Amino acid sequence: LLRSSYVVLRSTRDNSVEKVRLYQVPMEKIGYSIAWAILLIFIAYPLSWFIAWWYILLLPLEGLFPFIKQATEFMEKLITWPREVGRAMLKGETSFPSPM
């Protein structure tokens, strides 16, 4: 069984309309999608918001101190982690969306 998500009507150049299905998630993977949504809301978003402030403060200093460059690269991975969690949520992936 497949759960069809949004169907979007898109117009083409010749003014005809075509249906575009954005994604399909098998029903047995819906539990993973719910788990990734909870992870996204309660862990990934707050963590990335907190780290973003430190990233912004340290970014101008990475030219002066080489060790700060390594720290900001690590922070960048954590800041973009919600994108990976969101993708896993939409696809219903069974593997953990790691920030690394």
PDB file of N, CA and C in Angstrom:
ATOM      1  N   LEU A   1       0.835  -1.186   0.000  1.00  0.00           N
ATOM      2  CA  LEU A   1       0.000   0.000   0.000  1.00  0.00           C
ATOM      3  C   LEU A   1       0.871   1.237   0.000  1.00  0.00           C
ATOM      4  N   LEU A   2       0.525   2.170  -0.829  1.00  0.00           N
ATOM      5  CA  LEU A   2       1.254   3.426  -0.892  1.00  0.00           C
ATOM      6  C   LEU A   2       0.336   4.561  -0.487  1.00  0.00           C
ATOM      7  N   ARG A   3       0.887   5.489   0.272  1.00  0.00           N
ATOM      8  CA  ARG A   3       0.148   6.682   0.639  1.00  0.00           C
ATOM      9  C   ARG A   3       0.615   7.783  -0.293  1.00  0.00           C
ATOM     10  N   SER A   4      -0.258   8.226  -1.163  1.00  0.00           N
ATOM     11  CA  SER A   4       0.117   9.295  -2.079  1.00  0.00           C
ATOM     12  C   SER A   4      -0.024  10.620  -1.354  1.00  0.00           C
ATOM     13  N   SER A   5       0.976  11.444  -1.476  1.00  0.00           N
ATOM     14  CA  SER A   5       0.921  12.755  -0.877  1.00  0.00           C
ATOM     15  C   SER A   5       0.335  13.731  -1.867  1.00  0.00           C
ATOM     16  N   TYR A   6       0.778  14.889  -1.770  1.00  0.00           N
ATOM     17  CA  TYR A   6       0.240  15.979  -2.542  1.00  0.00           C
ATOM     18  C   TYR A   6       0.353  15.724  -4.040  1.00  0.00           C
ATOM     19  N   VAL A   7      -0.703  16.067  -4.740  1.00  0.00           N
ATOM     20  CA  VAL A   7      -0.666  16.045  -6.194  1.00  0.00           C
ATOM     21  C   VAL A   7      -0.779  17.501  -6.628  1.00  0.00           C
ATOM     22  N   VAL A   8       0.172  17.961  -7.384  1.00  0.00           N
ATOM     23  CA  VAL A   8       0.242  19.350  -7.803  1.00  0.00           C
ATOM     24  C   VAL A   8      -0.091  19.427  -9.278  1.00  0.00           C
ATOM     25  N   LEU A   9      -0.904  20.380  -9.633  1.00  0.00           N
ATOM     26  CA  LEU A   9      -1.185  20.620 -11.034  1.00  0.00           C
ATOM     27  C   LEU A   9      -0.208  21.682 -11.515  1.00  0.00           C
ATOM     28  N   ARG A  10       0.493  21.376 -12.580  1.00  0.00           N
ATOM     29  CA  ARG A  10       1.517  22.279 -13.086  1.00  0.00           C
ATOM     30  C   ARG A  10       1.222  22.559 -14.550  1.00  0.00           C
ATOM     31  N   SER A  11       1.278  23.820 -14.910  1.00  0.00           N
ATOM     32  CA  SER A  11       1.047  24.153 -16.315  1.00  0.00           C
ATOM     33  C   SER A  11       2.366  24.076 -17.075  1.00  0.00           C
ATOM     34  N   THR A  12       2.276  23.659 -18.317  1.00  0.00           N
ATOM     35  CA  THR A  12       3.455  23.534 -19.160  1.00  0.00           C
ATOM     36  C   THR A  12       3.511  24.709 -20.125  1.00  0.00           C
ATOM     37  N   ARG A  13       4.522  24.720 -20.952  1.00  0.00           N
ATOM     38  CA  ARG A  13       4.695  25.835 -21.897  1.00  0.00           C
ATOM     39  C   ARG A  13       3.569  25.940 -22.909  1.00  0.00           C
ATOM     40  N   ASP A  14       2.983  24.799 -23.261  1.00  0.00           N
ATOM     41  CA  ASP A  14       1.900  24.841 -24.247  1.00  0.00           C
ATOM     42  C   ASP A  14       0.533  24.992 -23.582  1.00  0.00           C
ATOM     43  N   ASN A  15       0.524  25.514 -22.331  1.00  0.00           N
ATOM     44  CA  ASN A  15      -0.678  25.815 -21.559  1.00  0.00           C
ATOM     45  C   ASN A  15      -1.526  24.592 -21.237  1.00  0.00           C
ATOM     46  N   SER A  16      -0.962  23.397 -21.325  1.00  0.00           N
ATOM     47  CA  SER A  16      -1.674  22.222 -20.853  1.00  0.00           C
ATOM     48  C   SER A  16      -1.322  22.012 -19.381  1.00  0.00           C
ATOM     49  N   VAL A  17      -2.099  21.222 -18.698  1.00  0.00           N
ATOM     50  CA  VAL A  17      -1.893  20.997 -17.271  1.00  0.00           C
ATOM     51  C   VAL A  17      -1.520  19.541 -17.062  1.00  0.00           C
ATOM     52  N   GLU A  18      -0.496  19.320 -16.242  1.00  0.00           N
ATOM     53  CA  GLU A  18      -0.100  17.949 -15.927  1.00  0.00           C
ATOM     54  C   GLU A  18      -0.055  17.767 -14.415  1.00  0.00           C
ATOM     55  N   LYS A  19      -0.314  16.542 -13.975  1.00  0.00           N
ATOM     56  CA  LYS A  19      -0.270  16.231 -12.551  1.00  0.00           C
ATOM     57  C   LYS A  19       1.142  15.784 -12.182  1.00  0.00           C
ATOM     58  N   VAL A  20       1.619  16.267 -11.052  1.00  0.00           N
ATOM     59  CA  VAL A  20       2.936  15.895 -10.561  1.00  0.00           C
ATOM     60  C   VAL A  20       2.761  15.381  -9.147  1.00  0.00           C
ATOM     61  N   ARG A  21       3.170  14.152  -8.887  1.00  0.00           N
ATOM     62  CA  ARG A  21       3.115  13.581  -7.542  1.00  0.00           C
ATOM     63  C   ARG A  21       4.454  13.854  -6.878  1.00  0.00           C
ATOM     64  N   LEU A  22       4.410  14.497  -5.714  1.00  0.00           N
ATOM     65  CA  LEU A  22       5.648  14.901  -5.066  1.00  0.00           C
ATOM     66  C   LEU A  22       6.412  13.732  -4.456  1.00  0.00           C
ATOM     67  N   TYR A  23       5.735  12.868  -3.745  1.00  0.00           N
ATOM     68  CA  TYR A  23       6.423  11.716  -3.174  1.00  0.00           C
ATOM     69  C   TYR A  23       5.395  10.675  -2.761  1.00  0.00           C
ATOM     70  N   GLN A  24       5.856   9.454  -2.557  1.00  0.00           N
ATOM     71  CA  GLN A  24       5.022   8.378  -2.053  1.00  0.00           C
ATOM     72  C   GLN A  24       5.770   7.701  -0.916  1.00  0.00           C
ATOM     73  N   VAL A  25       5.058   7.418   0.151  1.00  0.00           N
ATOM     74  CA  VAL A  25       5.657   6.746   1.298  1.00  0.00           C
ATOM     75  C   VAL A  25       4.889   5.452   1.543  1.00  0.00           C
ATOM     76  N   PRO A  26       5.575   4.312   1.556  1.00  0.00           N
ATOM     77  CA  PRO A  26       4.885   3.068   1.892  1.00  0.00           C
ATOM     78  C   PRO A  26       4.300   3.150   3.303  1.00  0.00           C
ATOM     79  N   MET A  27       3.116   2.579   3.485  1.00  0.00           N
ATOM     80  CA  MET A  27       2.416   2.682   4.772  1.00  0.00           C
ATOM     81  C   MET A  27       3.219   2.078   5.921  1.00  0.00           C
ATOM     82  N   GLU A  28       4.009   1.044   5.665  1.00  0.00           N
ATOM     83  CA  GLU A  28       4.772   0.450   6.756  1.00  0.00           C
ATOM     84  C   GLU A  28       5.921   1.350   7.217  1.00  0.00           C
ATOM     85  N   LYS A  29       6.250   2.367   6.464  1.00  0.00           N
ATOM     86  CA  LYS A  29       7.323   3.282   6.859  1.00  0.00           C
ATOM     87  C   LYS A  29       6.779   4.570   7.475  1.00  0.00           C
ATOM     88  N   ILE A  30       5.473   4.669   7.666  1.00  0.00           N
ATOM     89  CA  ILE A  30       4.882   5.888   8.220  1.00  0.00           C
ATOM     90  C   ILE A  30       5.357   6.124   9.658  1.00  0.00           C
ATOM     91  N   GLY A  31       5.647   5.050  10.379  1.00  0.00           N
ATOM     92  CA  GLY A  31       6.164   5.193  11.739  1.00  0.00           C
ATOM     93  C   GLY A  31       7.518   5.881  11.754  1.00  0.00           C
ATOM     94  N   TYR A  32       8.363   5.565  10.770  1.00  0.00           N
ATOM     95  CA  TYR A  32       9.656   6.243  10.673  1.00  0.00           C
ATOM     96  C   TYR A  32       9.474   7.721  10.344  1.00  0.00           C
ATOM     97  N   SER A  33       8.515   8.027   9.494  1.00  0.00           N
ATOM     98  CA  SER A  33       8.252   9.432   9.161  1.00  0.00           C
ATOM     99  C   SER A  33       7.810  10.203  10.393  1.00  0.00           C
ATOM    100  N   ILE A  34       6.984   9.591  11.224  1.00  0.00           N
ATOM    101  CA  ILE A  34       6.541  10.241  12.458  1.00  0.00           C
ATOM    102  C   ILE A  34       7.721  10.409  13.416  1.00  0.00           C
ATOM    103  N   ALA A  35       8.567   9.391  13.526  1.00  0.00           N
ATOM    104  CA  ALA A  35       9.740   9.488  14.406  1.00  0.00           C
ATOM    105  C   ALA A  35      10.683  10.589  13.943  1.00  0.00           C
ATOM    106  N   TRP A  36      10.909  10.703  12.623  1.00  0.00           N
ATOM    107  CA  TRP A  36      11.798  11.753  12.111  1.00  0.00           C
ATOM    108  C   TRP A  36      11.168  13.125  12.290  1.00  0.00           C
ATOM    109  N   ALA A  37       9.842  13.227  12.225  1.00  0.00           N
ATOM    110  CA  ALA A  37       9.175  14.514  12.460  1.00  0.00           C
ATOM    111  C   ALA A  37       9.371  14.954  13.909  1.00  0.00           C
ATOM    112  N   ILE A  38       9.244  14.017  14.831  1.00  0.00           N
ATOM    113  CA  ILE A  38       9.469  14.337  16.249  1.00  0.00           C
ATOM    114  C   ILE A  38      10.924  14.736  16.475  1.00  0.00           C
ATOM    115  N   LEU A  39      11.854  13.999  15.867  1.00  0.00           N
ATOM    116  CA  LEU A  39      13.276  14.342  15.968  1.00  0.00           C
ATOM    117  C   LEU A  39      13.540  15.731  15.395  1.00  0.00           C
ATOM    118  N   LEU A  40      12.915  16.038  14.283  1.00  0.00           N
ATOM    119  CA  LEU A  40      13.104  17.334  13.635  1.00  0.00           C
ATOM    120  C   LEU A  40      12.618  18.474  14.522  1.00  0.00           C
ATOM    121  N   ILE A  41      11.423  18.334  15.082  1.00  0.00           N
ATOM    122  CA  ILE A  41      10.819  19.418  15.858  1.00  0.00           C
ATOM    123  C   ILE A  41      11.497  19.615  17.207  1.00  0.00           C
ATOM    124  N   PHE A  42      11.795  18.522  17.904  1.00  0.00           N
ATOM    125  CA  PHE A  42      12.262  18.646  19.285  1.00  0.00           C
ATOM    126  C   PHE A  42      13.772  18.604  19.459  1.00  0.00           C
ATOM    127  N   ILE A  43      14.518  18.110  18.471  1.00  0.00           N
ATOM    128  CA  ILE A  43      15.970  18.018  18.641  1.00  0.00           C
ATOM    129  C   ILE A  43      16.723  18.777  17.550  1.00  0.00           C
ATOM    130  N   ALA A  44      16.456  18.472  16.285  1.00  0.00           N
ATOM    131  CA  ALA A  44      17.258  19.039  15.197  1.00  0.00           C
ATOM    132  C   ALA A  44      17.087  20.550  15.074  1.00  0.00           C
ATOM    133  N   TYR A  45      15.838  21.041  15.091  1.00  0.00           N
ATOM    134  CA  TYR A  45      15.626  22.491  14.978  1.00  0.00           C
ATOM    135  C   TYR A  45      16.226  23.263  16.150  1.00  0.00           C
ATOM    136  N   PRO A  46      15.893  22.918  17.403  1.00  0.00           N
ATOM    137  CA  PRO A  46      16.486  23.688  18.515  1.00  0.00           C
ATOM    138  C   PRO A  46      18.014  23.637  18.541  1.00  0.00           C
ATOM    139  N   LEU A  47      18.575  22.470  18.252  1.00  0.00           N
ATOM    140  CA  LEU A  47      20.030  22.354  18.237  1.00  0.00           C
ATOM    141  C   LEU A  47      20.649  23.236  17.160  1.00  0.00           C
ATOM    142  N   SER A  48      20.074  23.218  15.976  1.00  0.00           N
ATOM    143  CA  SER A  48      20.640  24.032  14.890  1.00  0.00           C
ATOM    144  C   SER A  48      20.460  25.520  15.156  1.00  0.00           C
ATOM    145  N   TRP A  49      19.346  25.911  15.758  1.00  0.00           N
ATOM    146  CA  TRP A  49      19.166  27.328  16.100  1.00  0.00           C
ATOM    147  C   TRP A  49      20.197  27.784  17.121  1.00  0.00           C
ATOM    148  N   PHE A  50      20.457  26.967  18.128  1.00  0.00           N
ATOM    149  CA  PHE A  50      21.438  27.319  19.149  1.00  0.00           C
ATOM    150  C   PHE A  50      22.842  27.416  18.553  1.00  0.00           C
ATOM    151  N   ILE A  51      23.208  26.449  17.749  1.00  0.00           N
ATOM    152  CA  ILE A  51      24.555  26.416  17.171  1.00  0.00           C
ATOM    153  C   ILE A  51      24.741  27.507  16.127  1.00  0.00           C
ATOM    154  N   ALA A  52      23.671  27.917  15.467  1.00  0.00           N
ATOM    155  CA  ALA A  52      23.777  28.965  14.444  1.00  0.00           C
ATOM    156  C   ALA A  52      24.328  30.265  15.023  1.00  0.00           C
ATOM    157  N   TRP A  53      23.937  30.600  16.256  1.00  0.00           N
ATOM    158  CA  TRP A  53      24.460  31.815  16.888  1.00  0.00           C
ATOM    159  C   TRP A  53      25.973  31.721  17.082  1.00  0.00           C
ATOM    160  N   TRP A  54      26.433  30.589  17.570  1.00  0.00           N
ATOM    161  CA  TRP A  54      27.871  30.415  17.771  1.00  0.00           C
ATOM    162  C   TRP A  54      28.609  30.415  16.426  1.00  0.00           C
ATOM    163  N   TYR A  55      28.003  29.803  15.431  1.00  0.00           N
ATOM    164  CA  TYR A  55      28.599  29.765  14.093  1.00  0.00           C
ATOM    165  C   TYR A  55      28.781  31.180  13.546  1.00  0.00           C
ATOM    166  N   ILE A  56      27.764  31.998  13.693  1.00  0.00           N
ATOM    167  CA  ILE A  56      27.841  33.386  13.203  1.00  0.00           C
ATOM    168  C   ILE A  56      28.908  34.174  13.950  1.00  0.00           C
ATOM    169  N   LEU A  57      29.034  33.950  15.250  1.00  0.00           N
ATOM    170  CA  LEU A  57      30.039  34.677  16.036  1.00  0.00           C
ATOM    171  C   LEU A  57      31.462  34.229  15.722  1.00  0.00           C
ATOM    172  N   LEU A  58      31.666  32.945  15.461  1.00  0.00           N
ATOM    173  CA  LEU A  58      33.014  32.426  15.233  1.00  0.00           C
ATOM    174  C   LEU A  58      33.473  32.519  13.781  1.00  0.00           C
ATOM    175  N   LEU A  59      32.556  32.623  12.852  1.00  0.00           N
ATOM    176  CA  LEU A  59      32.915  32.603  11.439  1.00  0.00           C
ATOM    177  C   LEU A  59      33.922  33.687  11.042  1.00  0.00           C
ATOM    178  N   PRO A  60      33.790  34.939  11.509  1.00  0.00           N
ATOM    179  CA  PRO A  60      34.789  35.945  11.132  1.00  0.00           C
ATOM    180  C   PRO A  60      36.188  35.682  11.689  1.00  0.00           C
ATOM    181  N   LEU A  61      36.279  34.861  12.729  1.00  0.00           N
ATOM    182  CA  LEU A  61      37.574  34.610  13.367  1.00  0.00           C
ATOM    183  C   LEU A  61      38.329  33.427  12.778  1.00  0.00           C
ATOM    184  N   GLU A  62      37.727  32.710  11.821  1.00  0.00           N
ATOM    185  CA  GLU A  62      38.404  31.512  11.330  1.00  0.00           C
ATOM    186  C   GLU A  62      39.644  31.834  10.499  1.00  0.00           C
ATOM    187  N   GLY A  63      39.787  33.066  10.023  1.00  0.00           N
ATOM    188  CA  GLY A  63      41.009  33.454   9.330  1.00  0.00           C
ATOM    189  C   GLY A  63      42.181  33.661  10.278  1.00  0.00           C
ATOM    190  N   LEU A  64      41.875  34.034  11.519  1.00  0.00           N
ATOM    191  CA  LEU A  64      42.917  34.281  12.513  1.00  0.00           C
ATOM    192  C   LEU A  64      43.401  33.008  13.198  1.00  0.00           C
ATOM    193  N   PHE A  65      42.468  32.129  13.503  1.00  0.00           N
ATOM    194  CA  PHE A  65      42.794  30.918  14.260  1.00  0.00           C
ATOM    195  C   PHE A  65      42.382  29.687  13.463  1.00  0.00           C
ATOM    196  N   PRO A  66      43.328  28.837  13.085  1.00  0.00           N
ATOM    197  CA  PRO A  66      43.008  27.661  12.260  1.00  0.00           C
ATOM    198  C   PRO A  66      42.067  26.654  12.940  1.00  0.00           C
ATOM    199  N   PHE A  67      42.153  26.546  14.261  1.00  0.00           N
ATOM    200  CA  PHE A  67      41.296  25.567  14.940  1.00  0.00           C
ATOM    201  C   PHE A  67      39.827  25.981  14.895  1.00  0.00           C
ATOM    202  N   ILE A  68      39.555  27.258  14.727  1.00  0.00           N
ATOM    203  CA  ILE A  68      38.173  27.715  14.631  1.00  0.00           C
ATOM    204  C   ILE A  68      37.555  27.266  13.314  1.00  0.00           C
ATOM    205  N   LYS A  69      38.357  27.153  12.264  1.00  0.00           N
ATOM    206  CA  LYS A  69      37.840  26.686  10.980  1.00  0.00           C
ATOM    207  C   LYS A  69      37.294  25.264  11.104  1.00  0.00           C
ATOM    208  N   GLN A  70      37.994  24.406  11.820  1.00  0.00           N
ATOM    209  CA  GLN A  70      37.509  23.039  12.032  1.00  0.00           C
ATOM    210  C   GLN A  70      36.205  23.043  12.832  1.00  0.00           C
ATOM    211  N   ALA A  71      36.132  23.923  13.824  1.00  0.00           N
ATOM    212  CA  ALA A  71      34.916  24.003  14.641  1.00  0.00           C
ATOM    213  C   ALA A  71      33.732  24.511  13.819  1.00  0.00           C
ATOM    214  N   THR A  72      33.959  25.512  12.976  1.00  0.00           N
ATOM    215  CA  THR A  72      32.852  26.044  12.178  1.00  0.00           C
ATOM    216  C   THR A  72      32.402  25.053  11.109  1.00  0.00           C
ATOM    217  N   GLU A  73      33.310  24.248  10.579  1.00  0.00           N
ATOM    218  CA  GLU A  73      32.908  23.205   9.622  1.00  0.00           C
ATOM    219  C   GLU A  73      32.018  22.170  10.304  1.00  0.00           C
ATOM    220  N   PHE A  74      32.357  21.796  11.539  1.00  0.00           N
ATOM    221  CA  PHE A  74      31.534  20.865  12.299  1.00  0.00           C
ATOM    222  C   PHE A  74      30.169  21.483  12.611  1.00  0.00           C
ATOM    223  N   MET A  75      30.172  22.773  12.988  1.00  0.00           N
ATOM    224  CA  MET A  75      28.914  23.463  13.283  1.00  0.00           C
ATOM    225  C   MET A  75      28.022  23.547  12.053  1.00  0.00           C
ATOM    226  N   GLU A  76      28.631  23.753  10.893  1.00  0.00           N
ATOM    227  CA  GLU A  76      27.854  23.834   9.655  1.00  0.00           C
ATOM    228  C   GLU A  76      27.114  22.523   9.376  1.00  0.00           C
ATOM    229  N   LYS A  77      27.750  21.402   9.671  1.00  0.00           N
ATOM    230  CA  LYS A  77      27.090  20.104   9.501  1.00  0.00           C
ATOM    231  C   LYS A  77      25.898  19.973  10.436  1.00  0.00           C
ATOM    232  N   LEU A  78      26.045  20.460  11.664  1.00  0.00           N
ATOM    233  CA  LEU A  78      24.937  20.382  12.615  1.00  0.00           C
ATOM    234  C   LEU A  78      23.810  21.357  12.257  1.00  0.00           C
ATOM    235  N   ILE A  79      24.173  22.511  11.712  1.00  0.00           N
ATOM    236  CA  ILE A  79      23.162  23.495  11.326  1.00  0.00           C
ATOM    237  C   ILE A  79      22.322  22.993  10.160  1.00  0.00           C
ATOM    238  N   THR A  80      22.925  22.250   9.244  1.00  0.00           N
ATOM    239  CA  THR A  80      22.186  21.749   8.077  1.00  0.00           C
ATOM    240  C   THR A  80      21.552  20.384   8.322  1.00  0.00           C
ATOM    241  N   TRP A  81      21.668  19.849   9.534  1.00  0.00           N
ATOM    242  CA  TRP A  81      21.085  18.557   9.871  1.00  0.00           C
ATOM    243  C   TRP A  81      19.568  18.506   9.695  1.00  0.00           C
ATOM    244  N   PRO A  82      18.806  19.572  10.021  1.00  0.00           N
ATOM    245  CA  PRO A  82      17.351  19.503   9.802  1.00  0.00           C
ATOM    246  C   PRO A  82      16.975  19.205   8.346  1.00  0.00           C
ATOM    247  N   ARG A  83      17.788  19.594   7.392  1.00  0.00           N
ATOM    248  CA  ARG A  83      17.509  19.281   5.985  1.00  0.00           C
ATOM    249  C   ARG A  83      17.550  17.768   5.764  1.00  0.00           C
ATOM    250  N   GLU A  84      18.534  17.096   6.367  1.00  0.00           N
ATOM    251  CA  GLU A  84      18.646  15.640   6.231  1.00  0.00           C
ATOM    252  C   GLU A  84      17.498  14.928   6.944  1.00  0.00           C
ATOM    253  N   VAL A  85      17.131  15.439   8.119  1.00  0.00           N
ATOM    254  CA  VAL A  85      16.024  14.832   8.860  1.00  0.00           C
ATOM    255  C   VAL A  85      14.715  15.025   8.092  1.00  0.00           C
ATOM    256  N   GLY A  86      14.519  16.199   7.524  1.00  0.00           N
ATOM    257  CA  GLY A  86      13.311  16.455   6.732  1.00  0.00           C
ATOM    258  C   GLY A  86      13.217  15.561   5.509  1.00  0.00           C
ATOM    259  N   ARG A  87      14.340  15.349   4.843  1.00  0.00           N
ATOM    260  CA  ARG A  87      14.346  14.461   3.678  1.00  0.00           C
ATOM    261  C   ARG A  87      14.011  13.025   4.085  1.00  0.00           C
ATOM    262  N   ALA A  88      14.587  12.577   5.214  1.00  0.00           N
ATOM    263  CA  ALA A  88      14.296  11.233   5.709  1.00  0.00           C
ATOM    264  C   ALA A  88      12.826  11.113   6.109  1.00  0.00           C
ATOM    265  N   MET A  89      12.259  12.183   6.660  1.00  0.00           N
ATOM    266  CA  MET A  89      10.864  12.175   7.053  1.00  0.00           C
ATOM    267  C   MET A  89       9.951  12.058   5.832  1.00  0.00           C
ATOM    268  N   LEU A  90      10.240  12.812   4.788  1.00  0.00           N
ATOM    269  CA  LEU A  90       9.401  12.787   3.588  1.00  0.00           C
ATOM    270  C   LEU A  90       9.490  11.467   2.838  1.00  0.00           C
ATOM    271  N   LYS A  91      10.656  10.839   2.867  1.00  0.00           N
ATOM    272  CA  LYS A  91      10.834   9.574   2.151  1.00  0.00           C
ATOM    273  C   LYS A  91      10.515   8.354   3.008  1.00  0.00           C
ATOM    274  N   GLY A  92      10.376   8.542   4.329  1.00  0.00           N
ATOM    275  CA  GLY A  92      10.125   7.416   5.215  1.00  0.00           C
ATOM    276  C   GLY A  92      11.307   6.488   5.334  1.00  0.00           C
ATOM    277  N   GLU A  93      12.508   7.040   5.314  1.00  0.00           N
ATOM    278  CA  GLU A  93      13.728   6.215   5.376  1.00  0.00           C
ATOM    279  C   GLU A  93      13.836   5.516   6.715  1.00  0.00           C
ATOM    280  N   THR A  94      14.370   4.300   6.678  1.00  0.00           N
ATOM    281  CA  THR A  94      14.519   3.533   7.916  1.00  0.00           C
ATOM    282  C   THR A  94      15.849   3.782   8.598  1.00  0.00           C
ATOM    283  N   SER A  95      16.819   4.319   7.890  1.00  0.00           N
ATOM    284  CA  SER A  95      18.130   4.589   8.499  1.00  0.00           C
ATOM    285  C   SER A  95      18.132   5.964   9.160  1.00  0.00           C
ATOM    286  N   PHE A  96      18.903   6.072  10.238  1.00  0.00           N
ATOM    287  CA  PHE A  96      18.980   7.330  10.997  1.00  0.00           C
ATOM    288  C   PHE A  96      19.645   8.411  10.153  1.00  0.00           C
ATOM    289  N   PRO A  97      19.027   9.597  10.071  1.00  0.00           N
ATOM    290  CA  PRO A  97      19.629  10.704   9.306  1.00  0.00           C
ATOM    291  C   PRO A  97      20.741  11.372  10.109  1.00  0.00           C
ATOM    292  N   SER A  98      21.944  10.905   9.944  1.00  0.00           N
ATOM    293  CA  SER A  98      23.088  11.394  10.702  1.00  0.00           C
ATOM    294  C   SER A  98      23.508  12.793  10.239  1.00  0.00           C
ATOM    295  N   PRO A  99      23.915  13.645  11.158  1.00  0.00           N
ATOM    296  CA  PRO A  99      24.373  14.983  10.761  1.00  0.00           C
ATOM    297  C   PRO A  99      25.774  14.981  10.150  1.00  0.00           C
ATOM    298  N   MET A 100      26.493  13.881  10.242  1.00  0.00           N
ATOM    299  CA  MET A 100      27.864  13.848   9.740  1.00  0.00           C
ATOM    300  C   MET A 100      27.939  13.327   8.331  1.00  0.00           C
TER     301      MET A 100
END
